Amino acid sequence: MICPYCGQTIMTGDKFCVRCGRPIAVNMQATRNMQAAPYTQAAPNMQTAPNMQRTAPVSGKTVNVKITRKDQWFLVNPPIRILIDNKWNCQVENAESIIVSSLEPGVHTFHFSITCRTRDIVLDVQQDREIYLEMNRVYGSIDAYVN
């Protein structure tokens, strides 16, 4: 199972996430059954979120997800590539925010990657949300926090 708040892998039967400490809902069937979509390399066709053309969802209701990357100083700061539901490609630069709009409410898979590091989050989005990204200097990983 994966925590819907922070993306941490948790053991089946846990009542609280070991990373963020939030309670895990008893009915997480959608999260349990959801497998992360395989990552496909799409860097040549990469576009930033505002330029992306998306069709309106059938239900008519949409939610927005703001993705913010923390301002950090490293020798090299390549953009973090974002793949949502194995369909939408965008990227976020250092100290930048993007808004992914026209998402249908429901469970979505967010795949973040930079060079050889990746982070996957399965998130049930029923209302507008914000995801904060930062690079962990100790482990070199991508840390993601959901608000």
Protein backbone atom coordinates (compact mmCIF):
# COMPACT_ATOMS: atom_id res chain seq x y z
CA MET A 1 0.00 0.00 0.00
CA ILE A 2 1.02 3.60 -0.50
CA CYS A 3 0.18 6.52 1.80
CA PRO A 4 -2.18 8.86 -0.10
CA TYR A 5 -0.69 11.90 1.64
CA CYS A 6 3.08 11.52 1.18
CA GLY A 7 3.56 8.53 -1.15
CA GLN A 8 5.47 6.41 1.38
CA THR A 9 5.14 2.65 0.97
CA ILE A 10 3.39 1.23 4.04
CA MET A 11 2.66 -2.26 5.24
CA THR A 12 -0.83 -3.68 4.84
CA GLY A 13 -2.68 -3.29 8.12
CA ASP A 14 -0.80 -0.20 9.32
CA LYS A 15 -3.11 2.41 10.81
CA PHE A 16 -0.66 5.32 10.50
CA CYS A 17 1.98 6.28 7.94
CA VAL A 18 5.53 5.85 9.24
CA ARG A 19 6.70 8.93 7.33
CA CYS A 20 4.00 11.62 7.75
CA GLY A 21 2.13 10.12 10.74
CA ARG A 22 -1.31 10.61 9.21
CA PRO A 23 -3.98 7.97 9.77
CA ILE A 24 -4.50 5.51 6.93
CA ALA A 25 -8.13 5.08 5.87
CA VAL A 26 -9.57 1.60 6.27
CA ASN A 27 -11.04 1.65 2.77
CA MET A 28 -8.03 2.19 0.53
CA GLN A 29 -9.05 -0.36 -2.08
CA ALA A 30 -8.38 2.05 -4.95
CA THR A 31 -4.87 2.73 -3.68
CA ARG A 32 -4.16 -0.95 -3.05
CA ASN A 33 -5.22 -1.96 -6.53
CA MET A 34 -3.45 0.90 -8.28
CA GLN A 35 -0.12 -0.04 -9.78
CA ALA A 36 2.30 2.67 -10.81
CA ALA A 37 2.20 3.13 -14.54
CA PRO A 38 5.44 2.21 -16.29
CA TYR A 39 7.62 5.20 -17.01
CA THR A 40 8.17 6.02 -20.63
CA GLN A 41 10.99 8.29 -21.65
CA ALA A 42 9.44 11.38 -23.17
CA ALA A 43 12.06 14.06 -22.72
CA PRO A 44 12.17 15.19 -26.39
CA ASN A 45 8.45 16.07 -26.28
CA MET A 46 8.60 17.68 -22.83
CA GLN A 47 6.42 20.75 -22.39
CA THR A 48 5.72 22.96 -19.42
CA ALA A 49 2.24 22.70 -17.94
CA PRO A 50 0.82 26.06 -19.13
CA ASN A 51 1.44 25.15 -22.79
CA MET A 52 -0.15 21.73 -22.63
CA GLN A 53 -3.42 21.14 -24.46
CA ARG A 54 -5.85 19.01 -22.45
CA THR A 55 -9.39 17.99 -23.16
CA ALA A 56 -12.08 18.71 -20.58
CA PRO A 57 -13.11 15.68 -18.51
CA VAL A 58 -16.43 14.00 -19.22
CA SER A 59 -17.81 14.64 -15.72
CA GLY A 60 -17.38 18.41 -16.05
CA LYS A 61 -15.81 18.79 -12.58
CA THR A 62 -12.07 19.39 -12.50
CA VAL A 63 -9.42 19.90 -9.85
CA ASN A 64 -6.05 21.68 -9.97
CA VAL A 65 -2.77 20.44 -8.55
CA LYS A 66 -0.05 23.01 -7.88
CA ILE A 67 3.45 21.53 -7.94
CA THR A 68 6.11 23.69 -6.24
CA ARG A 69 9.83 22.96 -6.24
CA LYS A 70 11.80 24.33 -3.31
CA ASP A 71 14.57 26.84 -4.01
CA GLN A 72 17.79 24.91 -3.41
CA TRP A 73 21.38 25.60 -4.36
CA PHE A 74 23.29 22.76 -5.93
CA LEU A 75 26.12 22.71 -8.43
CA VAL A 76 23.64 21.56 -11.06
CA ASN A 77 19.84 22.03 -10.84
CA PRO A 78 18.20 20.18 -13.72
CA PRO A 79 14.39 20.34 -13.93
CA ILE A 80 12.29 17.63 -12.31
CA ARG A 81 10.26 15.86 -14.99
CA ILE A 82 6.66 15.04 -14.12
CA LEU A 83 4.53 12.31 -15.65
CA ILE A 84 0.88 12.19 -14.54
CA ASP A 85 -1.15 9.03 -15.15
CA ASN A 86 1.41 8.06 -17.80
CA LYS A 87 -0.14 10.74 -20.06
CA TRP A 88 0.82 14.31 -19.26
CA ASN A 89 4.40 15.47 -19.38
CA CYS A 90 5.63 18.65 -17.78
CA GLN A 91 8.61 19.81 -15.74
CA VAL A 92 9.34 22.13 -12.86
CA GLU A 93 12.54 24.14 -12.51
CA ASN A 94 14.30 25.12 -9.29
CA ALA A 95 12.19 27.60 -7.23
CA GLU A 96 9.30 27.34 -9.70
CA SER A 97 5.63 26.40 -9.43
CA ILE A 98 3.31 25.00 -12.07
CA ILE A 99 -0.41 24.33 -11.97
CA VAL A 100 -1.74 21.17 -13.56
CA SER A 101 -5.35 21.89 -14.42
CA SER A 102 -8.26 19.91 -15.82
CA LEU A 103 -7.65 16.78 -13.75
CA GLU A 104 -10.72 14.70 -13.05
CA PRO A 105 -11.31 14.05 -9.35
CA GLY A 106 -10.02 10.61 -8.41
CA VAL A 107 -6.83 8.60 -7.95
CA HIS A 108 -3.85 9.81 -10.01
CA THR A 109 -0.26 8.58 -10.26
CA PHE A 110 2.43 11.27 -10.18
CA HIS A 111 5.91 10.21 -11.36
CA PHE A 112 8.75 12.64 -10.61
CA SER A 113 12.21 12.03 -12.08
CA ILE A 114 15.56 13.76 -12.28
CA THR A 115 18.61 12.07 -13.84
CA CYS A 116 18.59 8.59 -12.23
CA ARG A 117 16.32 9.40 -9.26
CA THR A 118 12.57 8.89 -9.21
CA ARG A 119 9.63 9.25 -6.83
CA ASP A 120 6.10 7.93 -7.43
CA ILE A 121 3.04 9.15 -5.56
CA VAL A 122 -0.46 7.73 -5.85
CA LEU A 123 -2.81 10.47 -4.70
CA ASP A 124 -6.61 10.60 -4.39
CA VAL A 125 -7.37 14.12 -5.60
CA GLN A 126 -10.93 15.23 -4.75
CA GLN A 127 -10.13 18.93 -4.34
CA ASP A 128 -7.35 21.34 -5.30
CA ARG A 129 -4.03 20.12 -3.84
CA GLU A 130 -0.40 21.24 -3.65
CA ILE A 131 2.70 19.06 -3.89
CA TYR A 132 6.04 20.41 -2.63
CA LEU A 133 9.20 18.89 -4.14
CA GLU A 134 12.76 19.14 -2.92
CA MET A 135 16.02 17.28 -3.39
CA ASN A 136 17.32 15.45 -0.32
CA ARG A 137 20.98 16.42 -0.02
CA VAL A 138 21.87 13.45 2.18
CA TYR A 139 20.34 10.66 0.08
CA GLY A 140 20.09 12.42 -3.28
CA SER A 141 16.42 11.49 -3.55
CA ILE A 142 13.35 13.50 -4.48
CA ASP A 143 11.22 14.28 -1.43
CA ALA A 144 7.55 15.08 -2.01
CA TYR A 145 5.13 16.55 0.52
CA VAL A 146 1.40 16.83 -0.16
CA ASN A 147 -0.72 19.63 1.24
